Amino acid sequence: MKILLTAFDPFGEDVVNPALEAVKIVRTEGLAAEVVKLEVPTVFHKSIQTVQAAMEEHKPDVVLCIGQAGGRYALTPERVAINVDDARIKDNEGNQPIDVPVFADGKNAYFSNLPIKAIVEYIKEAGLPAAVSNTAGTFVCNHLMYGVLYTMAKEYPGCRGGFIHVPFIPEQVVNRPNTPYMALEDIARGIEAALKAIIENEDDLLVTGGKEF
């Protein structure tokens, strides 16, 4: 198995992105899969194009994208991506699409075909908070998740893909009182647990779960 593991660069007011920093230190030794890591620009369309190029080059069996969701306390695999860009802030190249589709010929939504509930259980077994999320937002995270699943549906029907949002790290909340955070090393451990869940579970667990974030 080959897994493409992607993470966004910093955006907005932050000079660090916990997704990228965690992916950098994720340990892949001992996994029953080859893991290719990829930094992705927080830019509409360019993010999708970057991952599409990597998919064409590496031919992964799985694409797992990681992004930051400030304010969340847990690692949250996303259930669904919707065909809407509605940016509350500009991306890293100044783009701010409002109420436009990601792809005009795409479905209203694409669901992750990763074992998201197994991912949650594996992360919890590692001693970390996790929950299934039912909204990936309408910024570049949702944009990329939608674009990856759209690309799979059109060109790589045998591939599996999805997205996990991670919390802030401590240095990001110094001036954000009462904001949840997680240690960078714990975020990395959670991603490692997610990778193991993906490798070991082709079908998902039939358990309850899901939060509204």
N, C-alpha and C. Protein backbone atom coordinates (compact mmCIF):
# COMPACT_ATOMS: atom_id res chain seq x y z
N MET A 1 0.84 -1.19 0.00
CA MET A 1 0.00 0.00 0.00
C MET A 1 0.88 1.24 0.00
N LYS A 2 0.47 2.26 -0.75
CA LYS A 2 1.16 3.54 -0.76
C LYS A 2 0.17 4.63 -0.35
N ILE A 3 0.59 5.46 0.61
CA ILE A 3 -0.26 6.52 1.13
C ILE A 3 0.38 7.87 0.85
N LEU A 4 -0.37 8.77 0.24
CA LEU A 4 0.05 10.16 0.07
C LEU A 4 -0.51 10.96 1.23
N LEU A 5 0.39 11.51 2.04
CA LEU A 5 0.01 12.24 3.26
C LEU A 5 0.33 13.71 3.04
N THR A 6 -0.71 14.55 2.98
CA THR A 6 -0.51 15.96 2.65
C THR A 6 -0.84 16.85 3.84
N ALA A 7 -0.26 18.06 3.83
CA ALA A 7 -0.55 19.04 4.87
C ALA A 7 -0.34 20.45 4.32
N PHE A 8 -1.15 21.38 4.80
CA PHE A 8 -1.10 22.76 4.33
C PHE A 8 0.01 23.56 4.99
N ASP A 9 0.47 24.58 4.27
CA ASP A 9 1.40 25.54 4.85
C ASP A 9 0.62 26.55 5.71
N PRO A 10 1.32 27.41 6.49
CA PRO A 10 0.62 28.38 7.35
C PRO A 10 -0.24 29.34 6.53
N PHE A 11 -1.30 29.84 7.16
CA PHE A 11 -2.19 30.77 6.48
C PHE A 11 -2.79 31.73 7.49
N GLY A 12 -3.42 32.78 6.98
CA GLY A 12 -4.05 33.76 7.85
C GLY A 12 -3.02 34.48 8.71
N GLU A 13 -3.32 34.62 9.99
CA GLU A 13 -2.43 35.34 10.90
C GLU A 13 -1.36 34.45 11.51
N ASP A 14 -1.39 33.17 11.22
CA ASP A 14 -0.47 32.24 11.85
C ASP A 14 0.80 32.05 11.02
N VAL A 15 1.92 31.94 11.72
CA VAL A 15 3.20 31.72 11.05
C VAL A 15 3.58 30.24 11.07
N VAL A 16 2.73 29.43 11.68
CA VAL A 16 2.96 27.99 11.74
C VAL A 16 1.64 27.30 11.48
N ASN A 17 1.70 26.13 10.86
CA ASN A 17 0.51 25.31 10.68
C ASN A 17 0.77 23.97 11.35
N PRO A 18 0.00 23.63 12.39
CA PRO A 18 0.25 22.38 13.11
C PRO A 18 0.11 21.15 12.23
N ALA A 19 -0.72 21.23 11.19
CA ALA A 19 -0.86 20.10 10.27
C ALA A 19 0.47 19.78 9.61
N LEU A 20 1.11 20.80 9.07
CA LEU A 20 2.38 20.60 8.38
C LEU A 20 3.48 20.17 9.34
N GLU A 21 3.57 20.84 10.48
CA GLU A 21 4.63 20.52 11.43
C GLU A 21 4.46 19.10 11.98
N ALA A 22 3.22 18.68 12.18
CA ALA A 22 2.99 17.32 12.67
C ALA A 22 3.33 16.28 11.61
N VAL A 23 2.91 16.53 10.37
CA VAL A 23 3.21 15.58 9.30
C VAL A 23 4.72 15.42 9.13
N LYS A 24 5.46 16.49 9.32
CA LYS A 24 6.92 16.41 9.19
C LYS A 24 7.52 15.39 10.15
N ILE A 25 6.93 15.28 11.37
CA ILE A 25 7.53 14.39 12.37
C ILE A 25 6.78 13.07 12.53
N VAL A 26 5.74 12.85 11.72
CA VAL A 26 5.04 11.57 11.75
C VAL A 26 6.02 10.45 11.43
N ARG A 27 6.04 9.44 12.26
CA ARG A 27 6.93 8.29 12.07
C ARG A 27 6.23 7.23 11.23
N THR A 28 6.88 6.82 10.20
CA THR A 28 6.29 5.84 9.29
C THR A 28 7.00 4.49 9.33
N GLU A 29 8.07 4.40 10.13
CA GLU A 29 8.77 3.13 10.24
C GLU A 29 7.85 2.08 10.88
N GLY A 30 7.86 0.91 10.31
CA GLY A 30 7.06 -0.18 10.85
C GLY A 30 5.65 -0.24 10.31
N LEU A 31 5.21 0.78 9.60
CA LEU A 31 3.89 0.71 8.98
C LEU A 31 3.92 -0.21 7.77
N ALA A 32 2.83 -0.90 7.54
CA ALA A 32 2.75 -1.80 6.39
C ALA A 32 2.32 -1.02 5.15
N ALA A 33 3.00 0.10 4.94
CA ALA A 33 2.69 0.96 3.79
C ALA A 33 3.86 1.91 3.57
N GLU A 34 4.00 2.34 2.34
CA GLU A 34 4.93 3.41 2.01
C GLU A 34 4.17 4.72 2.13
N VAL A 35 4.76 5.70 2.82
CA VAL A 35 4.11 6.99 3.03
C VAL A 35 4.91 8.08 2.34
N VAL A 36 4.25 8.81 1.46
CA VAL A 36 4.86 9.95 0.76
C VAL A 36 4.26 11.21 1.35
N LYS A 37 5.11 12.12 1.85
CA LYS A 37 4.64 13.35 2.47
C LYS A 37 4.70 14.50 1.47
N LEU A 38 3.69 15.38 1.55
CA LEU A 38 3.59 16.47 0.59
C LEU A 38 3.09 17.74 1.27
N GLU A 39 3.82 18.84 1.10
CA GLU A 39 3.36 20.16 1.55
C GLU A 39 2.47 20.78 0.47
N VAL A 40 1.35 21.33 0.90
CA VAL A 40 0.36 21.87 -0.03
C VAL A 40 0.13 23.35 0.26
N PRO A 41 0.09 24.20 -0.77
CA PRO A 41 -0.19 25.62 -0.54
C PRO A 41 -1.64 25.85 -0.14
N THR A 42 -1.86 26.76 0.80
CA THR A 42 -3.21 27.10 1.20
C THR A 42 -3.76 28.11 0.19
N VAL A 43 -4.05 27.60 -0.97
CA VAL A 43 -4.48 28.41 -2.10
C VAL A 43 -5.56 27.64 -2.86
N PHE A 44 -6.67 28.30 -3.12
CA PHE A 44 -7.72 27.67 -3.91
C PHE A 44 -7.19 27.24 -5.27
N HIS A 45 -7.59 26.09 -5.71
CA HIS A 45 -7.23 25.48 -7.00
C HIS A 45 -5.78 25.01 -7.04
N LYS A 46 -4.84 25.85 -6.65
CA LYS A 46 -3.44 25.41 -6.65
C LYS A 46 -3.24 24.23 -5.69
N SER A 47 -3.98 24.22 -4.58
CA SER A 47 -3.87 23.10 -3.64
C SER A 47 -4.29 21.80 -4.32
N ILE A 48 -5.40 21.83 -5.04
CA ILE A 48 -5.87 20.63 -5.74
C ILE A 48 -4.87 20.23 -6.82
N GLN A 49 -4.40 21.19 -7.57
CA GLN A 49 -3.45 20.89 -8.64
C GLN A 49 -2.17 20.27 -8.10
N THR A 50 -1.72 20.73 -6.94
CA THR A 50 -0.51 20.18 -6.32
C THR A 50 -0.70 18.72 -5.96
N VAL A 51 -1.85 18.39 -5.37
CA VAL A 51 -2.12 17.01 -4.97
C VAL A 51 -2.39 16.15 -6.20
N GLN A 52 -3.09 16.68 -7.17
CA GLN A 52 -3.33 15.92 -8.41
C GLN A 52 -2.01 15.53 -9.07
N ALA A 53 -1.05 16.45 -9.11
CA ALA A 53 0.25 16.15 -9.70
C ALA A 53 0.96 15.05 -8.93
N ALA A 54 0.87 15.09 -7.59
CA ALA A 54 1.49 14.05 -6.77
C ALA A 54 0.79 12.71 -6.95
N MET A 55 -0.52 12.73 -7.12
CA MET A 55 -1.26 11.49 -7.37
C MET A 55 -0.82 10.88 -8.69
N GLU A 56 -0.65 11.71 -9.69
CA GLU A 56 -0.21 11.21 -11.00
C GLU A 56 1.20 10.64 -10.91
N GLU A 57 2.07 11.28 -10.13
CA GLU A 57 3.46 10.82 -10.01
C GLU A 57 3.58 9.55 -9.19
N HIS A 58 2.91 9.51 -8.04
CA HIS A 58 3.14 8.43 -7.08
C HIS A 58 2.12 7.30 -7.16
N LYS A 59 0.98 7.53 -7.77
CA LYS A 59 -0.07 6.51 -7.88
C LYS A 59 -0.41 5.90 -6.52
N PRO A 60 -0.82 6.72 -5.54
CA PRO A 60 -1.10 6.18 -4.21
C PRO A 60 -2.40 5.38 -4.18
N ASP A 61 -2.48 4.50 -3.19
CA ASP A 61 -3.72 3.78 -2.92
C ASP A 61 -4.64 4.61 -2.03
N VAL A 62 -4.03 5.50 -1.25
CA VAL A 62 -4.77 6.32 -0.29
C VAL A 62 -4.20 7.74 -0.33
N VAL A 63 -5.07 8.73 -0.24
CA VAL A 63 -4.64 10.11 -0.04
C VAL A 63 -5.28 10.60 1.26
N LEU A 64 -4.45 10.95 2.22
CA LEU A 64 -4.92 11.48 3.49
C LEU A 64 -4.41 12.91 3.64
N CYS A 65 -5.33 13.86 3.67
CA CYS A 65 -4.98 15.27 3.78
C CYS A 65 -5.19 15.74 5.22
N ILE A 66 -4.27 16.57 5.70
CA ILE A 66 -4.32 17.09 7.07
C ILE A 66 -4.40 18.61 7.02
N GLY A 67 -5.28 19.18 7.85
CA GLY A 67 -5.42 20.63 7.91
C GLY A 67 -5.71 21.10 9.33
N GLN A 68 -5.55 22.39 9.52
CA GLN A 68 -5.77 23.02 10.82
C GLN A 68 -7.22 23.45 10.98
N ALA A 69 -7.79 23.18 12.14
CA ALA A 69 -9.11 23.70 12.50
C ALA A 69 -9.01 24.32 13.89
N GLY A 70 -8.60 25.57 13.92
CA GLY A 70 -8.46 26.26 15.20
C GLY A 70 -9.78 26.32 15.95
N GLY A 71 -9.75 26.01 17.23
CA GLY A 71 -10.95 26.00 18.05
C GLY A 71 -11.46 24.61 18.37
N ARG A 72 -11.04 23.62 17.59
CA ARG A 72 -11.42 22.24 17.89
C ARG A 72 -10.45 21.67 18.92
N TYR A 73 -10.97 20.82 19.76
CA TYR A 73 -10.16 20.22 20.82
C TYR A 73 -9.64 18.84 20.45
N ALA A 74 -10.17 18.27 19.35
CA ALA A 74 -9.88 16.87 19.01
C ALA A 74 -9.37 16.77 17.59
N LEU A 75 -8.79 15.60 17.27
CA LEU A 75 -8.50 15.27 15.89
C LEU A 75 -9.80 14.79 15.25
N THR A 76 -10.15 15.35 14.11
CA THR A 76 -11.48 15.12 13.57
C THR A 76 -11.43 14.71 12.10
N PRO A 77 -11.51 13.41 11.81
CA PRO A 77 -11.66 12.99 10.42
C PRO A 77 -12.99 13.49 9.88
N GLU A 78 -12.96 13.99 8.65
CA GLU A 78 -14.14 14.58 8.04
C GLU A 78 -14.95 13.52 7.29
N ARG A 79 -16.27 13.61 7.43
CA ARG A 79 -17.16 12.67 6.75
C ARG A 79 -17.41 13.07 5.29
N VAL A 80 -17.54 14.39 5.03
CA VAL A 80 -18.04 14.83 3.73
C VAL A 80 -17.42 16.16 3.32
N ALA A 81 -17.24 16.35 2.01
CA ALA A 81 -16.81 17.62 1.43
C ALA A 81 -17.91 18.11 0.50
N ILE A 82 -18.21 19.40 0.54
CA ILE A 82 -19.29 19.94 -0.27
C ILE A 82 -18.74 20.80 -1.40
N ASN A 83 -19.55 20.92 -2.45
CA ASN A 83 -19.12 21.60 -3.67
C ASN A 83 -19.36 23.11 -3.57
N VAL A 84 -18.77 23.73 -2.55
CA VAL A 84 -18.92 25.17 -2.33
C VAL A 84 -17.61 25.75 -1.81
N ASP A 85 -17.18 26.84 -2.42
CA ASP A 85 -16.11 27.68 -1.88
C ASP A 85 -16.76 28.96 -1.36
N ASP A 86 -16.57 29.24 -0.08
CA ASP A 86 -17.14 30.44 0.53
C ASP A 86 -16.17 30.91 1.60
N ALA A 87 -15.15 31.65 1.17
CA ALA A 87 -14.00 31.94 2.01
C ALA A 87 -14.25 33.14 2.93
N ARG A 88 -14.09 32.93 4.23
CA ARG A 88 -14.26 34.03 5.18
C ARG A 88 -13.04 34.94 5.18
N ILE A 89 -11.87 34.41 4.75
CA ILE A 89 -10.64 35.20 4.63
C ILE A 89 -10.00 34.88 3.29
N LYS A 90 -9.03 35.68 2.91
CA LYS A 90 -8.31 35.43 1.68
C LYS A 90 -7.32 34.27 1.87
N ASP A 91 -7.07 33.53 0.80
CA ASP A 91 -6.06 32.49 0.86
C ASP A 91 -4.67 33.12 0.75
N ASN A 92 -3.64 32.31 0.63
CA ASN A 92 -2.28 32.84 0.65
C ASN A 92 -1.87 33.57 -0.62
N GLU A 93 -2.74 33.59 -1.61
CA GLU A 93 -2.47 34.38 -2.81
C GLU A 93 -3.55 35.43 -3.04
N GLY A 94 -4.33 35.69 -2.00
CA GLY A 94 -5.30 36.77 -2.07
C GLY A 94 -6.65 36.42 -2.67
N ASN A 95 -6.88 35.15 -2.93
CA ASN A 95 -8.17 34.72 -3.49
C ASN A 95 -9.22 34.60 -2.39
N GLN A 96 -10.43 35.03 -2.68
CA GLN A 96 -11.52 34.90 -1.71
C GLN A 96 -12.82 34.61 -2.44
N PRO A 97 -12.96 33.39 -2.97
CA PRO A 97 -14.20 33.05 -3.67
C PRO A 97 -15.38 33.00 -2.71
N ILE A 98 -16.52 33.45 -3.22
CA ILE A 98 -17.74 33.48 -2.39
C ILE A 98 -18.86 32.77 -3.14
N ASP A 99 -19.35 31.69 -2.55
CA ASP A 99 -20.51 30.95 -3.07
C ASP A 99 -20.33 30.52 -4.52
N VAL A 100 -19.19 29.89 -4.79
CA VAL A 100 -18.95 29.32 -6.12
C VAL A 100 -18.62 27.84 -5.96
N PRO A 101 -18.91 27.01 -6.95
CA PRO A 101 -18.59 25.59 -6.84
C PRO A 101 -17.09 25.34 -6.97
N VAL A 102 -16.64 24.27 -6.34
CA VAL A 102 -15.26 23.84 -6.52
C VAL A 102 -15.06 23.37 -7.96
N PHE A 103 -15.96 22.49 -8.41
CA PHE A 103 -15.99 22.04 -9.80
C PHE A 103 -17.44 22.11 -10.28
N ALA A 104 -17.67 22.82 -11.37
CA ALA A 104 -19.04 23.02 -11.85
C ALA A 104 -19.71 21.72 -12.25
N ASP A 105 -18.90 20.73 -12.68
CA ASP A 105 -19.48 19.45 -13.10
C ASP A 105 -19.44 18.40 -12.02
N GLY A 106 -19.12 18.80 -10.79
CA GLY A 106 -19.03 17.84 -9.70
C GLY A 106 -20.36 17.63 -8.99
N LYS A 107 -20.41 16.59 -8.19
CA LYS A 107 -21.60 16.32 -7.38
C LYS A 107 -21.73 17.39 -6.29
N ASN A 108 -22.90 17.46 -5.68
CA ASN A 108 -23.09 18.41 -4.57
C ASN A 108 -22.13 18.13 -3.43
N ALA A 109 -21.80 16.86 -3.24
CA ALA A 109 -20.89 16.47 -2.16
C ALA A 109 -20.25 15.13 -2.48
N TYR A 110 -19.08 14.91 -1.91
CA TYR A 110 -18.43 13.60 -1.95
C TYR A 110 -18.11 13.19 -0.52
N PHE A 111 -18.37 11.92 -0.22
CA PHE A 111 -18.09 11.40 1.11
C PHE A 111 -16.72 10.73 1.13
N SER A 112 -16.02 10.89 2.24
CA SER A 112 -14.77 10.17 2.43
C SER A 112 -15.03 8.67 2.35
N ASN A 113 -14.12 7.96 1.71
CA ASN A 113 -14.21 6.49 1.71
C ASN A 113 -13.12 5.86 2.56
N LEU A 114 -12.59 6.66 3.49
CA LEU A 114 -11.69 6.13 4.50
C LEU A 114 -12.50 5.61 5.69
N PRO A 115 -11.93 4.72 6.49
CA PRO A 115 -12.64 4.20 7.67
C PRO A 115 -12.62 5.23 8.80
N ILE A 116 -13.46 6.25 8.69
CA ILE A 116 -13.35 7.39 9.61
C ILE A 116 -13.66 7.03 11.06
N LYS A 117 -14.56 6.10 11.28
CA LYS A 117 -14.87 5.73 12.67
C LYS A 117 -13.78 4.83 13.25
N ALA A 118 -13.17 4.02 12.42
CA ALA A 118 -12.01 3.25 12.88
C ALA A 118 -10.87 4.20 13.22
N ILE A 119 -10.70 5.24 12.41
CA ILE A 119 -9.65 6.23 12.69
C ILE A 119 -9.88 6.85 14.07
N VAL A 120 -11.13 7.23 14.34
CA VAL A 120 -11.46 7.81 15.65
C VAL A 120 -11.11 6.83 16.77
N GLU A 121 -11.48 5.57 16.62
CA GLU A 121 -11.23 4.59 17.67
C GLU A 121 -9.73 4.37 17.88
N TYR A 122 -8.97 4.30 16.81
CA TYR A 122 -7.52 4.11 16.93
C TYR A 122 -6.86 5.31 17.61
N ILE A 123 -7.33 6.52 17.29
CA ILE A 123 -6.76 7.70 17.93
C ILE A 123 -7.10 7.71 19.41
N LYS A 124 -8.33 7.35 19.75
CA LYS A 124 -8.71 7.28 21.16
C LYS A 124 -7.90 6.23 21.90
N GLU A 125 -7.63 5.10 21.24
CA GLU A 125 -6.82 4.06 21.86
C GLU A 125 -5.40 4.55 22.12
N ALA A 126 -4.97 5.54 21.36
CA ALA A 126 -3.65 6.15 21.59
C ALA A 126 -3.69 7.18 22.71
N GLY A 127 -4.87 7.37 23.32
CA GLY A 127 -5.00 8.27 24.45
C GLY A 127 -5.26 9.72 24.08
N LEU A 128 -5.82 9.93 22.88
CA LEU A 128 -6.03 11.29 22.40
C LEU A 128 -7.50 11.49 22.01
N PRO A 129 -8.03 12.71 22.18
CA PRO A 129 -9.42 12.96 21.81
C PRO A 129 -9.61 12.96 20.30
N ALA A 130 -10.72 12.38 19.86
CA ALA A 130 -11.02 12.30 18.43
C ALA A 130 -12.52 12.19 18.26
N ALA A 131 -13.02 12.66 17.12
CA ALA A 131 -14.44 12.56 16.80
C ALA A 131 -14.61 12.73 15.30
N VAL A 132 -15.64 12.09 14.75
CA VAL A 132 -16.00 12.31 13.36
C VAL A 132 -16.61 13.70 13.24
N SER A 133 -16.16 14.46 12.24
CA SER A 133 -16.74 15.77 11.96
C SER A 133 -17.64 15.67 10.74
N ASN A 134 -18.74 16.41 10.79
CA ASN A 134 -19.68 16.42 9.67
C ASN A 134 -19.63 17.71 8.86
N THR A 135 -18.64 18.54 9.12
CA THR A 135 -18.43 19.73 8.30
C THR A 135 -16.96 20.06 8.20
N ALA A 136 -16.47 20.13 6.98
CA ALA A 136 -15.08 20.50 6.73
C ALA A 136 -14.94 21.98 6.43
N GLY A 137 -16.03 22.74 6.64
CA GLY A 137 -16.00 24.17 6.38
C GLY A 137 -16.21 24.49 4.90
N THR A 138 -15.84 25.71 4.52
CA THR A 138 -15.96 26.12 3.11
C THR A 138 -14.71 26.86 2.64
N PHE A 139 -13.60 26.65 3.37
CA PHE A 139 -12.32 27.28 2.99
C PHE A 139 -11.49 26.26 2.22
N VAL A 140 -10.19 26.40 2.22
CA VAL A 140 -9.34 25.58 1.36
C VAL A 140 -9.30 24.12 1.81
N CYS A 141 -9.56 23.85 3.08
CA CYS A 141 -9.57 22.46 3.55
C CYS A 141 -10.69 21.67 2.85
N ASN A 142 -11.91 22.18 2.93
CA ASN A 142 -13.01 21.54 2.23
C ASN A 142 -12.76 21.50 0.73
N HIS A 143 -12.22 22.59 0.20
CA HIS A 143 -11.90 22.70 -1.23
C HIS A 143 -10.98 21.56 -1.67
N LEU A 144 -9.92 21.32 -0.89
CA LEU A 144 -8.98 20.27 -1.26
C LEU A 144 -9.60 18.89 -1.08
N MET A 145 -10.30 18.68 0.02
CA MET A 145 -10.93 17.37 0.22
C MET A 145 -11.88 17.07 -0.93
N TYR A 146 -12.70 18.06 -1.28
CA TYR A 146 -13.63 17.87 -2.39
C TYR A 146 -12.87 17.58 -3.68
N GLY A 147 -11.82 18.37 -3.93
CA GLY A 147 -11.06 18.19 -5.16
C GLY A 147 -10.39 16.83 -5.27
N VAL A 148 -9.88 16.32 -4.15
CA VAL A 148 -9.25 15.00 -4.15
C VAL A 148 -10.29 13.92 -4.43
N LEU A 149 -11.43 13.99 -3.77
CA LEU A 149 -12.47 12.98 -3.98
C LEU A 149 -13.08 13.08 -5.37
N TYR A 150 -13.21 14.28 -5.89
CA TYR A 150 -13.67 14.49 -7.27
C TYR A 150 -12.69 13.84 -8.24
N THR A 151 -11.41 14.07 -8.02
CA THR A 151 -10.38 13.50 -8.90
C THR A 151 -10.40 11.98 -8.85
N MET A 152 -10.58 11.43 -7.66
CA MET A 152 -10.66 9.98 -7.53
C MET A 152 -11.87 9.43 -8.28
N ALA A 153 -13.00 10.09 -8.14
CA ALA A 153 -14.22 9.62 -8.81
C ALA A 153 -14.06 9.65 -10.32
N LYS A 154 -13.33 10.64 -10.82
CA LYS A 154 -13.18 10.81 -12.27
C LYS A 154 -12.04 9.96 -12.84
N GLU A 155 -10.92 9.83 -12.09
CA GLU A 155 -9.71 9.26 -12.66
C GLU A 155 -9.14 8.07 -11.90
N TYR A 156 -9.40 7.96 -10.60
CA TYR A 156 -8.79 6.90 -9.79
C TYR A 156 -9.86 6.22 -8.93
N PRO A 157 -10.78 5.51 -9.54
CA PRO A 157 -11.91 4.95 -8.79
C PRO A 157 -11.51 3.94 -7.72
N GLY A 158 -10.33 3.36 -7.81
CA GLY A 158 -9.90 2.40 -6.81
C GLY A 158 -9.18 3.02 -5.63
N CYS A 159 -8.99 4.32 -5.66
CA CYS A 159 -8.24 5.01 -4.62
C CYS A 159 -9.17 5.44 -3.49
N ARG A 160 -8.62 5.50 -2.28
CA ARG A 160 -9.39 5.98 -1.13
C ARG A 160 -8.82 7.31 -0.66
N GLY A 161 -9.71 8.19 -0.16
CA GLY A 161 -9.22 9.49 0.27
C GLY A 161 -10.08 10.12 1.34
N GLY A 162 -9.47 11.07 2.04
CA GLY A 162 -10.19 11.78 3.08
C GLY A 162 -9.33 12.84 3.73
N PHE A 163 -9.86 13.42 4.80
CA PHE A 163 -9.26 14.60 5.42
C PHE A 163 -9.39 14.51 6.93
N ILE A 164 -8.36 14.95 7.64
CA ILE A 164 -8.41 15.07 9.10
C ILE A 164 -8.03 16.48 9.50
N HIS A 165 -8.88 17.10 10.32
CA HIS A 165 -8.54 18.40 10.90
C HIS A 165 -7.87 18.20 12.26
N VAL A 166 -6.90 19.05 12.56
CA VAL A 166 -6.18 18.97 13.83
C VAL A 166 -6.27 20.31 14.56
N PRO A 167 -6.13 20.30 15.89
CA PRO A 167 -6.24 21.54 16.67
C PRO A 167 -5.00 22.43 16.53
N PHE A 168 -5.11 23.63 17.12
CA PHE A 168 -3.95 24.49 17.30
C PHE A 168 -2.90 23.78 18.15
N ILE A 169 -1.67 24.26 18.09
CA ILE A 169 -0.62 23.87 19.03
C ILE A 169 -0.42 25.01 20.02
N PRO A 170 0.25 24.76 21.17
CA PRO A 170 0.30 25.76 22.25
C PRO A 170 0.73 27.15 21.82
N GLU A 171 1.75 27.27 20.98
CA GLU A 171 2.25 28.60 20.62
C GLU A 171 1.21 29.43 19.87
N GLN A 172 0.22 28.77 19.29
CA GLN A 172 -0.80 29.50 18.54
C GLN A 172 -1.88 30.10 19.41
N VAL A 173 -1.98 29.68 20.66
CA VAL A 173 -3.06 30.15 21.52
C VAL A 173 -2.58 31.08 22.62
N VAL A 174 -1.34 31.50 22.55
CA VAL A 174 -0.80 32.42 23.55
C VAL A 174 -1.66 33.68 23.65
N ASN A 175 -2.09 34.18 22.51
CA ASN A 175 -2.94 35.37 22.48
C ASN A 175 -4.38 35.05 22.06
N ARG A 176 -4.77 33.81 22.27
CA ARG A 176 -6.15 33.37 22.02
C ARG A 176 -6.68 32.72 23.29
N PRO A 177 -7.10 33.48 24.27
CA PRO A 177 -7.52 32.91 25.56
C PRO A 177 -8.65 31.90 25.40
N ASN A 178 -8.60 30.88 26.24
CA ASN A 178 -9.65 29.86 26.31
C ASN A 178 -9.87 29.12 24.99
N THR A 179 -8.80 28.98 24.22
CA THR A 179 -8.86 28.26 22.95
C THR A 179 -8.20 26.90 23.10
N PRO A 180 -8.86 25.84 22.67
CA PRO A 180 -8.27 24.50 22.79
C PRO A 180 -6.97 24.38 21.98
N TYR A 181 -6.11 23.48 22.45
CA TYR A 181 -4.87 23.20 21.72
C TYR A 181 -4.43 21.79 22.05
N MET A 182 -3.44 21.31 21.30
CA MET A 182 -2.87 19.99 21.53
C MET A 182 -1.38 20.06 21.25
N ALA A 183 -0.59 19.32 21.99
CA ALA A 183 0.85 19.29 21.76
C ALA A 183 1.15 18.74 20.37
N LEU A 184 2.15 19.31 19.72
CA LEU A 184 2.50 18.90 18.37
C LEU A 184 2.81 17.40 18.31
N GLU A 185 3.53 16.90 19.29
CA GLU A 185 3.90 15.49 19.30
C GLU A 185 2.66 14.60 19.40
N ASP A 186 1.63 15.07 20.12
CA ASP A 186 0.40 14.29 20.23
C ASP A 186 -0.38 14.30 18.92
N ILE A 187 -0.39 15.43 18.23
CA ILE A 187 -1.03 15.48 16.92
C ILE A 187 -0.36 14.48 15.98
N ALA A 188 0.96 14.45 16.00
CA ALA A 188 1.68 13.50 15.16
C ALA A 188 1.33 12.06 15.53
N ARG A 189 1.23 11.77 16.83
CA ARG A 189 0.84 10.42 17.27
C ARG A 189 -0.56 10.07 16.78
N GLY A 190 -1.44 11.06 16.79
CA GLY A 190 -2.79 10.82 16.32
C GLY A 190 -2.82 10.50 14.83
N ILE A 191 -2.01 11.20 14.07
CA ILE A 191 -1.94 10.92 12.63
C ILE A 191 -1.35 9.53 12.40
N GLU A 192 -0.38 9.16 13.18
CA GLU A 192 0.19 7.81 13.07
C GLU A 192 -0.88 6.75 13.35
N ALA A 193 -1.70 6.99 14.36
CA ALA A 193 -2.79 6.06 14.67
C ALA A 193 -3.79 6.00 13.52
N ALA A 194 -4.06 7.15 12.90
CA ALA A 194 -4.97 7.19 11.76
C ALA A 194 -4.43 6.38 10.59
N LEU A 195 -3.14 6.51 10.33
CA LEU A 195 -2.52 5.74 9.25
C LEU A 195 -2.66 4.24 9.51
N LYS A 196 -2.44 3.84 10.76
CA LYS A 196 -2.58 2.43 11.10
C LYS A 196 -4.01 1.95 10.90
N ALA A 197 -4.97 2.80 11.27
CA ALA A 197 -6.38 2.44 11.09
C ALA A 197 -6.72 2.26 9.61
N ILE A 198 -6.20 3.13 8.78
CA ILE A 198 -6.45 3.04 7.34
C ILE A 198 -5.86 1.76 6.77
N ILE A 199 -4.65 1.44 7.19
CA ILE A 199 -3.97 0.24 6.69
C ILE A 199 -4.71 -1.03 7.11
N GLU A 200 -5.22 -1.04 8.33
CA GLU A 200 -5.79 -2.26 8.89
C GLU A 200 -7.30 -2.40 8.68
N ASN A 201 -7.96 -1.39 8.14
CA ASN A 201 -9.42 -1.43 8.00
C ASN A 201 -9.84 -0.96 6.61
N GLU A 202 -10.11 -1.93 5.74
CA GLU A 202 -10.64 -1.56 4.44
C GLU A 202 -12.10 -1.14 4.57
N ASP A 203 -12.83 -1.79 5.47
CA ASP A 203 -14.21 -1.42 5.78
C ASP A 203 -14.24 -0.71 7.11
N ASP A 204 -15.20 0.20 7.28
CA ASP A 204 -15.27 0.97 8.51
C ASP A 204 -15.97 0.19 9.61
N LEU A 205 -15.82 0.66 10.83
CA LEU A 205 -16.51 0.09 11.98
C LEU A 205 -17.95 0.58 12.00
N LEU A 206 -18.85 -0.25 12.42
CA LEU A 206 -20.26 0.13 12.54
C LEU A 206 -20.53 0.52 13.99
N VAL A 207 -20.14 1.75 14.31
CA VAL A 207 -20.32 2.28 15.67
C VAL A 207 -20.90 3.69 15.55
N THR A 208 -21.50 4.14 16.65
CA THR A 208 -22.03 5.51 16.63
C THR A 208 -20.90 6.51 16.69
N GLY A 209 -21.18 7.72 16.24
CA GLY A 209 -20.16 8.75 16.28
C GLY A 209 -20.56 9.93 15.42
N GLY A 210 -19.90 11.03 15.65
CA GLY A 210 -20.17 12.21 14.84
C GLY A 210 -20.46 13.42 15.69
N LYS A 211 -19.82 14.53 15.36
CA LYS A 211 -20.02 15.79 16.07
C LYS A 211 -20.40 16.86 15.06
N GLU A 212 -20.99 17.92 15.56
CA GLU A 212 -21.21 19.10 14.74
C GLU A 212 -20.21 20.16 15.19
N PHE A 213 -19.30 20.52 14.30
CA PHE A 213 -18.28 21.51 14.66
C PHE A 213 -18.53 22.80 13.89
